[in-house]
PDB file of N, CA and C in Angstrom:
ATOM      1  N   MET A   1      42.975 -55.428 -81.682  1.00  0.00           N
ATOM      2  CA  MET A   1      41.810 -54.114 -80.821  1.00  0.00           C
ATOM      3  C   MET A   1      40.787 -54.602 -80.310  1.00  0.00           C
ATOM      4  N   ALA A   2      40.843 -54.975 -79.270  1.00  0.00           N
ATOM      5  CA  ALA A   2      39.369 -55.546 -78.674  1.00  0.00           C
ATOM      6  C   ALA A   2      38.578 -54.421 -78.339  1.00  0.00           C
ATOM      7  N   THR A   3      36.986 -54.628 -78.659  1.00  0.00           N
ATOM      8  CA  THR A   3      36.216 -53.799 -78.433  1.00  0.00           C
ATOM      9  C   THR A   3      35.415 -53.978 -77.246  1.00  0.00           C
ATOM     10  N   GLU A   4      34.829 -53.279 -76.077  1.00  0.00           N
ATOM     11  CA  GLU A   4      34.065 -53.576 -75.524  1.00  0.00           C
ATOM     12  C   GLU A   4      32.914 -53.619 -75.684  1.00  0.00           C
ATOM     13  N   THR A   5      31.650 -54.204 -75.191  1.00  0.00           N
ATOM     14  CA  THR A   5      30.513 -54.150 -75.519  1.00  0.00           C
ATOM     15  C   THR A   5      29.874 -53.827 -74.091  1.00  0.00           C
ATOM     16  N   SER A   6      29.047 -52.673 -74.086  1.00  0.00           N
ATOM     17  CA  SER A   6      28.518 -52.233 -73.156  1.00  0.00           C
ATOM     18  C   SER A   6      26.862 -52.351 -72.851  1.00  0.00           C
ATOM     19  N   TRP A   7      26.473 -53.311 -72.207  1.00  0.00           N
ATOM     20  CA  TRP A   7      24.943 -53.591 -72.289  1.00  0.00           C
ATOM     21  C   TRP A   7      24.219 -52.545 -70.987  1.00  0.00           C
ATOM     22  N   HIS A   8      24.632 -51.207 -71.699  1.00  0.00           N
ATOM     23  CA  HIS A   8      23.775 -50.498 -70.673  1.00  0.00           C
ATOM     24  C   HIS A   8      22.109 -50.488 -70.901  1.00  0.00           C
ATOM     25  N   SER A   9      21.686 -50.998 -70.205  1.00  0.00           N
ATOM     26  CA  SER A   9      19.947 -50.987 -70.343  1.00  0.00           C
ATOM     27  C   SER A   9      18.976 -50.629 -69.243  1.00  0.00           C
ATOM     28  N   PRO A  10      18.431 -49.547 -69.380  1.00  0.00           N
ATOM     29  CA  PRO A  10      17.665 -49.104 -68.315  1.00  0.00           C
ATOM     30  C   PRO A  10      16.812 -50.338 -67.552  1.00  0.00           C
ATOM     31  N   MET A  11      16.789 -50.270 -66.274  1.00  0.00           N
ATOM     32  CA  MET A  11      16.043 -51.262 -65.778  1.00  0.00           C
ATOM     33  C   MET A  11      14.808 -51.229 -65.854  1.00  0.00           C
ATOM     34  N   PRO A  12      14.117 -52.260 -65.870  1.00  0.00           N
ATOM     35  CA  PRO A  12      12.738 -52.465 -66.495  1.00  0.00           C
ATOM     36  C   PRO A  12      11.951 -51.726 -65.182  1.00  0.00           C
ATOM     37  N   ALA A  13      11.133 -51.602 -65.475  1.00  0.00           N
ATOM     38  CA  ALA A  13       9.886 -51.063 -64.607  1.00  0.00           C
ATOM     39  C   ALA A  13       9.283 -52.264 -63.579  1.00  0.00           C
ATOM     40  N   ASP A  14       9.282 -52.008 -62.345  1.00  0.00           N
ATOM     41  CA  ASP A  14       8.664 -53.064 -61.255  1.00  0.00           C
ATOM     42  C   ASP A  14       7.256 -52.929 -61.377  1.00  0.00           C
ATOM     43  N   PRO A  15       6.198 -53.974 -62.172  1.00  0.00           N
ATOM     44  CA  PRO A  15       4.992 -54.018 -62.302  1.00  0.00           C
ATOM     45  C   PRO A  15       4.531 -53.748 -60.699  1.00  0.00           C
ATOM     46  N   LEU A  16       5.241 -54.147 -59.492  1.00  0.00           N
ATOM     47  CA  LEU A  16       4.484 -53.519 -58.294  1.00  0.00           C
ATOM     48  C   LEU A  16       4.595 -52.131 -58.031  1.00  0.00           C
ATOM     49  N   LEU A  17       5.600 -51.578 -58.288  1.00  0.00           N
ATOM     50  CA  LEU A  17       5.539 -50.176 -58.245  1.00  0.00           C
ATOM     51  C   LEU A  17       4.690 -49.611 -59.220  1.00  0.00           C
ATOM     52  N   GLU A  18       4.501 -49.854 -60.264  1.00  0.00           N
ATOM     53  CA  GLU A  18       3.532 -49.461 -61.172  1.00  0.00           C
ATOM     54  C   GLU A  18       1.979 -49.473 -60.886  1.00  0.00           C
ATOM     55  N   LYS A  19       1.824 -50.573 -60.214  1.00  0.00           N
ATOM     56  CA  LYS A  19       0.577 -50.906 -59.821  1.00  0.00           C
ATOM     57  C   LYS A  19       0.247 -49.884 -58.591  1.00  0.00           C
ATOM     58  N   SER A  20       1.290 -49.758 -57.524  1.00  0.00           N
ATOM     59  CA  SER A  20       0.820 -49.412 -56.279  1.00  0.00           C
ATOM     60  C   SER A  20       0.767 -47.451 -56.700  1.00  0.00           C
ATOM     61  N   ALA A  21       1.680 -46.983 -58.029  1.00  0.00           N
ATOM     62  CA  ALA A  21       1.163 -45.980 -58.121  1.00  0.00           C
ATOM     63  C   ALA A  21       0.040 -45.629 -58.722  1.00  0.00           C
ATOM     64  N   SER A  22      -0.420 -46.526 -59.457  1.00  0.00           N
ATOM     65  CA  SER A  22      -1.882 -46.502 -59.995  1.00  0.00           C
ATOM     66  C   SER A  22      -2.725 -46.310 -59.186  1.00  0.00           C
ATOM     67  N   ASP A  23      -2.433 -47.456 -58.106  1.00  0.00           N
ATOM     68  CA  ASP A  23      -3.407 -47.233 -56.959  1.00  0.00           C
ATOM     69  C   ASP A  23      -3.696 -46.046 -55.872  1.00  0.00           C
ATOM     70  N   ARG A  24      -2.243 -44.975 -55.722  1.00  0.00           N
ATOM     71  CA  ARG A  24      -2.404 -44.242 -55.365  1.00  0.00           C
ATOM     72  C   ARG A  24      -3.145 -43.077 -56.142  1.00  0.00           C
ATOM     73  N   ARG A  25      -2.879 -43.174 -57.400  1.00  0.00           N
ATOM     74  CA  ARG A  25      -3.639 -41.975 -58.376  1.00  0.00           C
ATOM     75  C   ARG A  25      -5.356 -42.333 -58.239  1.00  0.00           C
ATOM     76  N   ALA A  26      -5.849 -43.514 -57.988  1.00  0.00           N
ATOM     77  CA  ALA A  26      -6.954 -43.970 -58.249  1.00  0.00           C
ATOM     78  C   ALA A  26      -7.415 -43.818 -56.781  1.00  0.00           C
ATOM     79  N   ARG A  27      -7.110 -43.671 -55.285  1.00  0.00           N
ATOM     80  CA  ARG A  27      -7.212 -42.908 -54.118  1.00  0.00           C
ATOM     81  C   ARG A  27      -7.612 -41.850 -54.489  1.00  0.00           C
ATOM     82  N   LEU A  28      -6.605 -41.059 -55.226  1.00  0.00           N
ATOM     83  CA  LEU A  28      -6.561 -39.712 -55.048  1.00  0.00           C
ATOM     84  C   LEU A  28      -8.068 -39.204 -55.462  1.00  0.00           C
ATOM     85  N   ALA A  29      -8.201 -39.958 -56.593  1.00  0.00           N
ATOM     86  CA  ALA A  29      -9.835 -39.314 -57.142  1.00  0.00           C
ATOM     87  C   ALA A  29     -10.963 -39.956 -56.450  1.00  0.00           C
ATOM     88  N   THR A  30     -10.750 -41.105 -55.557  1.00  0.00           N
ATOM     89  CA  THR A  30     -11.711 -41.797 -54.923  1.00  0.00           C
ATOM     90  C   THR A  30     -12.279 -41.218 -53.687  1.00  0.00           C
ATOM     91  N   GLU A  31     -13.512 -40.492 -53.588  1.00  0.00           N
ATOM     92  CA  GLU A  31     -14.105 -39.874 -52.776  1.00  0.00           C
ATOM     93  C   GLU A  31     -15.128 -40.826 -51.957  1.00  0.00           C
ATOM     94  N   THR A  32     -15.680 -40.485 -50.924  1.00  0.00           N
ATOM     95  CA  THR A  32     -17.036 -40.911 -50.343  1.00  0.00           C
ATOM     96  C   THR A  32     -17.805 -39.687 -50.068  1.00  0.00           C
ATOM     97  N   VAL A  33     -18.614 -39.885 -50.880  1.00  0.00           N
ATOM     98  CA  VAL A  33     -20.061 -38.710 -51.134  1.00  0.00           C
ATOM     99  C   VAL A  33     -21.246 -39.429 -50.254  1.00  0.00           C
ATOM    100  N   PRO A  34     -21.768 -38.321 -48.880  1.00  0.00           N
ATOM    101  CA  PRO A  34     -22.969 -38.765 -48.354  1.00  0.00           C
ATOM    102  C   PRO A  34     -24.170 -38.256 -48.900  1.00  0.00           C
ATOM    103  N   LEU A  35     -24.896 -38.785 -49.391  1.00  0.00           N
ATOM    104  CA  LEU A  35     -26.330 -38.420 -49.863  1.00  0.00           C
ATOM    105  C   LEU A  35     -27.694 -38.441 -49.001  1.00  0.00           C
ATOM    106  N   LYS A  36     -28.313 -37.751 -48.695  1.00  0.00           N
ATOM    107  CA  LYS A  36     -29.249 -37.550 -47.914  1.00  0.00           C
ATOM    108  C   LYS A  36     -30.603 -38.045 -48.675  1.00  0.00           C
ATOM    109  N   VAL A  37     -31.381 -39.222 -48.283  1.00  0.00           N
ATOM    110  CA  VAL A  37     -32.347 -39.476 -49.160  1.00  0.00           C
ATOM    111  C   VAL A  37     -33.659 -39.843 -48.103  1.00  0.00           C
ATOM    112  N   SER A  38     -34.598 -39.076 -48.729  1.00  0.00           N
ATOM    113  CA  SER A  38     -35.825 -39.020 -47.961  1.00  0.00           C
ATOM    114  C   SER A  38     -37.106 -40.136 -48.970  1.00  0.00           C
ATOM    115  N   GLY A  39     -38.091 -40.817 -48.264  1.00  0.00           N
ATOM    116  CA  GLY A  39     -38.652 -41.659 -49.241  1.00  0.00           C
ATOM    117  C   GLY A  39     -38.375 -42.839 -49.154  1.00  0.00           C
ATOM    118  N   MET A  40     -37.497 -43.081 -48.658  1.00  0.00           N
ATOM    119  CA  MET A  40     -36.857 -44.895 -48.570  1.00  0.00           C
ATOM    120  C   MET A  40     -37.735 -45.725 -47.184  1.00  0.00           C
ATOM    121  N   ARG A  41     -38.480 -46.320 -47.871  1.00  0.00           N
ATOM    122  CA  ARG A  41     -39.583 -46.931 -46.646  1.00  0.00           C
ATOM    123  C   ARG A  41     -39.339 -48.378 -46.419  1.00  0.00           C
ATOM    124  N   CYS A  42     -38.415 -49.347 -47.174  1.00  0.00           N
ATOM    125  CA  CYS A  42     -38.465 -50.529 -47.132  1.00  0.00           C
ATOM    126  C   CYS A  42     -36.908 -51.172 -47.687  1.00  0.00           C
ATOM    127  N   SER A  43     -36.442 -52.206 -47.405  1.00  0.00           N
ATOM    128  CA  SER A  43     -35.312 -52.848 -47.988  1.00  0.00           C
ATOM    129  C   SER A  43     -35.556 -53.005 -49.545  1.00  0.00           C
ATOM    130  N   PHE A  44     -36.387 -53.274 -49.640  1.00  0.00           N
ATOM    131  CA  PHE A  44     -36.610 -53.080 -51.315  1.00  0.00           C
ATOM    132  C   PHE A  44     -36.217 -51.590 -51.892  1.00  0.00           C
ATOM    133  N   CYS A  45     -36.562 -50.540 -51.362  1.00  0.00           N
ATOM    134  CA  CYS A  45     -35.519 -49.222 -51.832  1.00  0.00           C
ATOM    135  C   CYS A  45     -34.464 -49.212 -51.316  1.00  0.00           C
ATOM    136  N   THR A  46     -33.858 -49.783 -50.443  1.00  0.00           N
ATOM    137  CA  THR A  46     -32.535 -49.779 -50.074  1.00  0.00           C
ATOM    138  C   THR A  46     -31.807 -50.648 -51.404  1.00  0.00           C
ATOM    139  N   MET A  47     -32.424 -51.638 -51.668  1.00  0.00           N
ATOM    140  CA  MET A  47     -31.894 -52.567 -52.892  1.00  0.00           C
ATOM    141  C   MET A  47     -31.800 -51.799 -54.107  1.00  0.00           C
ATOM    142  N   SER A  48     -32.780 -51.252 -53.994  1.00  0.00           N
ATOM    143  CA  SER A  48     -33.096 -50.476 -55.829  1.00  0.00           C
ATOM    144  C   SER A  48     -31.753 -49.426 -55.820  1.00  0.00           C
ATOM    145  N   ILE A  49     -31.934 -48.473 -54.933  1.00  0.00           N
ATOM    146  CA  ILE A  49     -30.811 -47.696 -55.005  1.00  0.00           C
ATOM    147  C   ILE A  49     -29.471 -47.918 -55.000  1.00  0.00           C
ATOM    148  N   GLU A  50     -29.177 -48.968 -54.435  1.00  0.00           N
ATOM    149  CA  GLU A  50     -27.957 -49.870 -54.380  1.00  0.00           C
ATOM    150  C   GLU A  50     -27.395 -50.201 -55.949  1.00  0.00           C
ATOM    151  N   LYS A  51     -28.555 -50.948 -56.464  1.00  0.00           N
ATOM    152  CA  LYS A  51     -28.399 -51.380 -57.204  1.00  0.00           C
ATOM    153  C   LYS A  51     -28.027 -50.425 -58.617  1.00  0.00           C
ATOM    154  N   ALA A  52     -28.647 -49.357 -58.718  1.00  0.00           N
ATOM    155  CA  ALA A  52     -29.019 -48.558 -59.750  1.00  0.00           C
ATOM    156  C   ALA A  52     -27.406 -47.614 -59.642  1.00  0.00           C
ATOM    157  N   LEU A  53     -26.825 -47.582 -58.398  1.00  0.00           N
ATOM    158  CA  LEU A  53     -25.658 -46.972 -58.120  1.00  0.00           C
ATOM    159  C   LEU A  53     -24.538 -47.827 -58.425  1.00  0.00           C
ATOM    160  N   LYS A  54     -24.532 -49.342 -58.218  1.00  0.00           N
ATOM    161  CA  LYS A  54     -23.617 -49.972 -58.283  1.00  0.00           C
ATOM    162  C   LYS A  54     -22.989 -50.303 -60.353  1.00  0.00           C
ATOM    163  N   ARG A  55     -24.352 -49.850 -60.900  1.00  0.00           N
ATOM    164  CA  ARG A  55     -24.369 -50.032 -62.251  1.00  0.00           C
ATOM    165  C   ARG A  55     -23.168 -49.539 -62.954  1.00  0.00           C
ATOM    166  N   ASP A  56     -22.662 -48.236 -62.429  1.00  0.00           N
ATOM    167  CA  ASP A  56     -22.109 -47.053 -63.022  1.00  0.00           C
ATOM    168  C   ASP A  56     -20.605 -47.711 -62.572  1.00  0.00           C
ATOM    169  N   PRO A  57     -19.633 -47.499 -63.507  1.00  0.00           N
ATOM    170  CA  PRO A  57     -18.161 -48.027 -63.448  1.00  0.00           C
ATOM    171  C   PRO A  57     -17.447 -47.137 -62.487  1.00  0.00           C
ATOM    172  N   GLY A  58     -17.946 -45.962 -62.012  1.00  0.00           N
ATOM    173  CA  GLY A  58     -17.219 -45.184 -61.500  1.00  0.00           C
ATOM    174  C   GLY A  58     -17.643 -45.249 -59.910  1.00  0.00           C
ATOM    175  N   VAL A  59     -18.407 -45.925 -59.527  1.00  0.00           N
ATOM    176  CA  VAL A  59     -18.537 -46.227 -58.031  1.00  0.00           C
ATOM    177  C   VAL A  59     -18.368 -47.703 -58.097  1.00  0.00           C
ATOM    178  N   ASN A  60     -17.405 -47.021 -56.418  1.00  0.00           N
ATOM    179  CA  ASN A  60     -16.743 -48.538 -55.836  1.00  0.00           C
ATOM    180  C   ASN A  60     -17.379 -49.088 -55.150  1.00  0.00           C
ATOM    181  N   SER A  61     -18.260 -48.605 -53.965  1.00  0.00           N
ATOM    182  CA  SER A  61     -18.858 -48.733 -53.128  1.00  0.00           C
ATOM    183  C   SER A  61     -20.348 -48.509 -52.378  1.00  0.00           C
ATOM    184  N   VAL A  62     -21.221 -49.159 -52.236  1.00  0.00           N
ATOM    185  CA  VAL A  62     -22.605 -48.556 -51.757  1.00  0.00           C
ATOM    186  C   VAL A  62     -22.967 -48.554 -50.462  1.00  0.00           C
ATOM    187  N   LEU A  63     -23.342 -47.903 -49.565  1.00  0.00           N
ATOM    188  CA  LEU A  63     -23.855 -48.418 -48.243  1.00  0.00           C
ATOM    189  C   LEU A  63     -24.701 -47.617 -48.124  1.00  0.00           C
ATOM    190  N   VAL A  64     -26.244 -48.323 -47.965  1.00  0.00           N
ATOM    191  CA  VAL A  64     -27.503 -47.479 -47.592  1.00  0.00           C
ATOM    192  C   VAL A  64     -27.887 -47.894 -46.242  1.00  0.00           C
ATOM    193  N   ASN A  65     -28.235 -46.651 -45.464  1.00  0.00           N
ATOM    194  CA  ASN A  65     -28.859 -46.483 -44.198  1.00  0.00           C
ATOM    195  C   ASN A  65     -30.500 -46.159 -44.403  1.00  0.00           C
ATOM    196  N   LEU A  66     -31.224 -47.593 -44.482  1.00  0.00           N
ATOM    197  CA  LEU A  66     -32.508 -47.189 -44.260  1.00  0.00           C
ATOM    198  C   LEU A  66     -33.227 -46.246 -42.950  1.00  0.00           C
ATOM    199  N   VAL A  67     -32.724 -46.442 -41.943  1.00  0.00           N
ATOM    200  CA  VAL A  67     -33.120 -45.763 -41.012  1.00  0.00           C
ATOM    201  C   VAL A  67     -32.781 -44.182 -40.571  1.00  0.00           C
ATOM    202  N   HIS A  68     -31.371 -43.988 -41.108  1.00  0.00           N
ATOM    203  CA  HIS A  68     -30.987 -42.655 -41.241  1.00  0.00           C
ATOM    204  C   HIS A  68     -31.416 -41.858 -42.054  1.00  0.00           C
ATOM    205  N   GLY A  69     -31.549 -42.560 -43.414  1.00  0.00           N
ATOM    206  CA  GLY A  69     -31.766 -41.843 -44.852  1.00  0.00           C
ATOM    207  C   GLY A  69     -30.596 -41.285 -45.321  1.00  0.00           C
ATOM    208  N   VAL A  70     -29.436 -42.355 -45.102  1.00  0.00           N
ATOM    209  CA  VAL A  70     -28.274 -41.770 -45.807  1.00  0.00           C
ATOM    210  C   VAL A  70     -27.888 -43.005 -46.907  1.00  0.00           C
ATOM    211  N   VAL A  71     -27.262 -42.340 -47.981  1.00  0.00           N
ATOM    212  CA  VAL A  71     -26.466 -43.619 -48.679  1.00  0.00           C
ATOM    213  C   VAL A  71     -25.010 -43.080 -48.511  1.00  0.00           C
ATOM    214  N   LEU A  72     -23.864 -43.780 -48.618  1.00  0.00           N
ATOM    215  CA  LEU A  72     -22.908 -43.468 -48.605  1.00  0.00           C
ATOM    216  C   LEU A  72     -22.148 -44.393 -49.983  1.00  0.00           C
ATOM    217  N   VAL A  73     -22.002 -42.940 -50.787  1.00  0.00           N
ATOM    218  CA  VAL A  73     -21.073 -43.490 -51.964  1.00  0.00           C
ATOM    219  C   VAL A  73     -19.740 -43.512 -52.262  1.00  0.00           C
ATOM    220  N   GLU A  74     -18.686 -44.567 -52.188  1.00  0.00           N
ATOM    221  CA  GLU A  74     -17.226 -44.393 -52.653  1.00  0.00           C
ATOM    222  C   GLU A  74     -17.422 -44.300 -54.219  1.00  0.00           C
ATOM    223  N   ALA A  75     -16.628 -43.276 -54.882  1.00  0.00           N
ATOM    224  CA  ALA A  75     -16.484 -43.257 -56.111  1.00  0.00           C
ATOM    225  C   ALA A  75     -15.474 -42.613 -56.664  1.00  0.00           C
ATOM    226  N   ASP A  76     -15.224 -42.877 -58.044  1.00  0.00           N
ATOM    227  CA  ASP A  76     -14.172 -42.034 -58.510  1.00  0.00           C
ATOM    228  C   ASP A  76     -14.540 -40.747 -59.211  1.00  0.00           C
ATOM    229  N   MET A  77     -14.017 -39.827 -58.631  1.00  0.00           N
ATOM    230  CA  MET A  77     -14.692 -38.484 -58.799  1.00  0.00           C
ATOM    231  C   MET A  77     -14.292 -38.137 -60.381  1.00  0.00           C
ATOM    232  N   ALA A  78     -13.394 -38.743 -60.937  1.00  0.00           N
ATOM    233  CA  ALA A  78     -12.919 -38.532 -62.356  1.00  0.00           C
ATOM    234  C   ALA A  78     -13.970 -38.946 -63.542  1.00  0.00           C
ATOM    235  N   LYS A  79     -14.642 -40.129 -62.823  1.00  0.00           N
ATOM    236  CA  LYS A  79     -15.765 -40.750 -63.547  1.00  0.00           C
ATOM    237  C   LYS A  79     -16.877 -40.342 -63.341  1.00  0.00           C
ATOM    238  N   ILE A  80     -17.342 -39.940 -62.441  1.00  0.00           N
ATOM    239  CA  ILE A  80     -18.759 -39.528 -61.999  1.00  0.00           C
ATOM    240  C   ILE A  80     -18.787 -38.254 -61.083  1.00  0.00           C
ATOM    241  N   SER A  81     -20.020 -37.322 -61.426  1.00  0.00           N
ATOM    242  CA  SER A  81     -20.158 -36.342 -60.584  1.00  0.00           C
ATOM    243  C   SER A  81     -20.971 -36.603 -59.507  1.00  0.00           C
ATOM    244  N   ARG A  82     -20.857 -35.407 -58.394  1.00  0.00           N
ATOM    245  CA  ARG A  82     -21.903 -35.813 -57.397  1.00  0.00           C
ATOM    246  C   ARG A  82     -23.195 -35.551 -57.693  1.00  0.00           C
ATOM    247  N   GLU A  83     -23.426 -34.830 -58.976  1.00  0.00           N
ATOM    248  CA  GLU A  83     -24.773 -34.673 -59.415  1.00  0.00           C
ATOM    249  C   GLU A  83     -25.427 -36.088 -59.972  1.00  0.00           C
ATOM    250  N   GLU A  84     -24.497 -36.426 -60.907  1.00  0.00           N
ATOM    251  CA  GLU A  84     -24.811 -37.936 -61.211  1.00  0.00           C
ATOM    252  C   GLU A  84     -25.031 -39.047 -60.328  1.00  0.00           C
ATOM    253  N   LEU A  85     -24.341 -38.868 -59.326  1.00  0.00           N
ATOM    254  CA  LEU A  85     -24.517 -39.751 -58.090  1.00  0.00           C
ATOM    255  C   LEU A  85     -26.111 -39.614 -57.573  1.00  0.00           C
ATOM    256  N   ALA A  86     -25.964 -38.506 -57.352  1.00  0.00           N
ATOM    257  CA  ALA A  86     -27.492 -37.655 -56.761  1.00  0.00           C
ATOM    258  C   ALA A  86     -28.890 -38.305 -57.811  1.00  0.00           C
ATOM    259  N   ALA A  87     -28.608 -37.883 -58.802  1.00  0.00           N
ATOM    260  CA  ALA A  87     -29.676 -38.448 -59.945  1.00  0.00           C
ATOM    261  C   ALA A  87     -29.527 -39.763 -59.846  1.00  0.00           C
ATOM    262  N   ARG A  88     -28.816 -40.589 -60.136  1.00  0.00           N
ATOM    263  CA  ARG A  88     -28.899 -42.172 -60.058  1.00  0.00           C
ATOM    264  C   ARG A  88     -29.504 -42.760 -58.657  1.00  0.00           C
ATOM    265  N   SER A  89     -29.267 -42.061 -57.626  1.00  0.00           N
ATOM    266  CA  SER A  89     -29.933 -42.769 -56.458  1.00  0.00           C
ATOM    267  C   SER A  89     -31.430 -42.214 -56.291  1.00  0.00           C
ATOM    268  N   SER A  90     -32.063 -41.344 -56.967  1.00  0.00           N
ATOM    269  CA  SER A  90     -33.381 -40.671 -56.914  1.00  0.00           C
ATOM    270  C   SER A  90     -34.426 -41.600 -57.324  1.00  0.00           C
ATOM    271  N   ILE A  91     -34.381 -43.066 -57.043  1.00  0.00           N
ATOM    272  CA  ILE A  91     -35.536 -44.019 -57.585  1.00  0.00           C
ATOM    273  C   ILE A  91     -36.530 -43.574 -56.939  1.00  0.00           C
ATOM    274  N   ASP A  92     -37.632 -42.500 -56.971  1.00  0.00           N
ATOM    275  CA  ASP A  92     -39.048 -42.250 -56.402  1.00  0.00           C
ATOM    276  C   ASP A  92     -38.649 -41.795 -54.988  1.00  0.00           C
ATOM    277  N   THR A  93     -37.324 -41.266 -54.984  1.00  0.00           N
ATOM    278  CA  THR A  93     -37.115 -40.482 -53.506  1.00  0.00           C
ATOM    279  C   THR A  93     -36.504 -39.296 -53.784  1.00  0.00           C
ATOM    280  N   GLU A  94     -36.460 -38.345 -52.524  1.00  0.00           N
ATOM    281  CA  GLU A  94     -35.869 -37.117 -52.771  1.00  0.00           C
ATOM    282  C   GLU A  94     -34.140 -37.285 -52.387  1.00  0.00           C
ATOM    283  N   VAL A  95     -33.401 -36.884 -52.990  1.00  0.00           N
ATOM    284  CA  VAL A  95     -31.894 -36.767 -52.758  1.00  0.00           C
ATOM    285  C   VAL A  95     -31.532 -35.371 -52.596  1.00  0.00           C
ATOM    286  N   SER A  96     -30.873 -35.161 -51.523  1.00  0.00           N
ATOM    287  CA  SER A  96     -30.198 -33.834 -51.672  1.00  0.00           C
ATOM    288  C   SER A  96     -28.421 -34.267 -51.146  1.00  0.00           C
ATOM    289  N   LEU A  97     -27.264 -33.328 -51.748  1.00  0.00           N
ATOM    290  CA  LEU A  97     -26.025 -33.888 -51.499  1.00  0.00           C
ATOM    291  C   LEU A  97     -25.661 -33.173 -50.223  1.00  0.00           C
TER     292      LEU A  97
END
């Protein structure tokens, strides 16, 4: 009597597919938040705001426009709120959402 061995194992997960799924989830939580900042007068102001915002792990990128008084923050909204972004960017300035 011969017995057959069946090697039915589930297909291993493809790491590339898993990465793209996690990337999709991260993109869904990522949002670009515009902040209107008044009181910026020089490039030191813009660097200070940018540095303060980039310290947070929920912030992906920061773009500060001195002329228009706008800060665009791309952030993971699951990790940081709009209010926290505004608070972090208000170094001797007025910020509105």
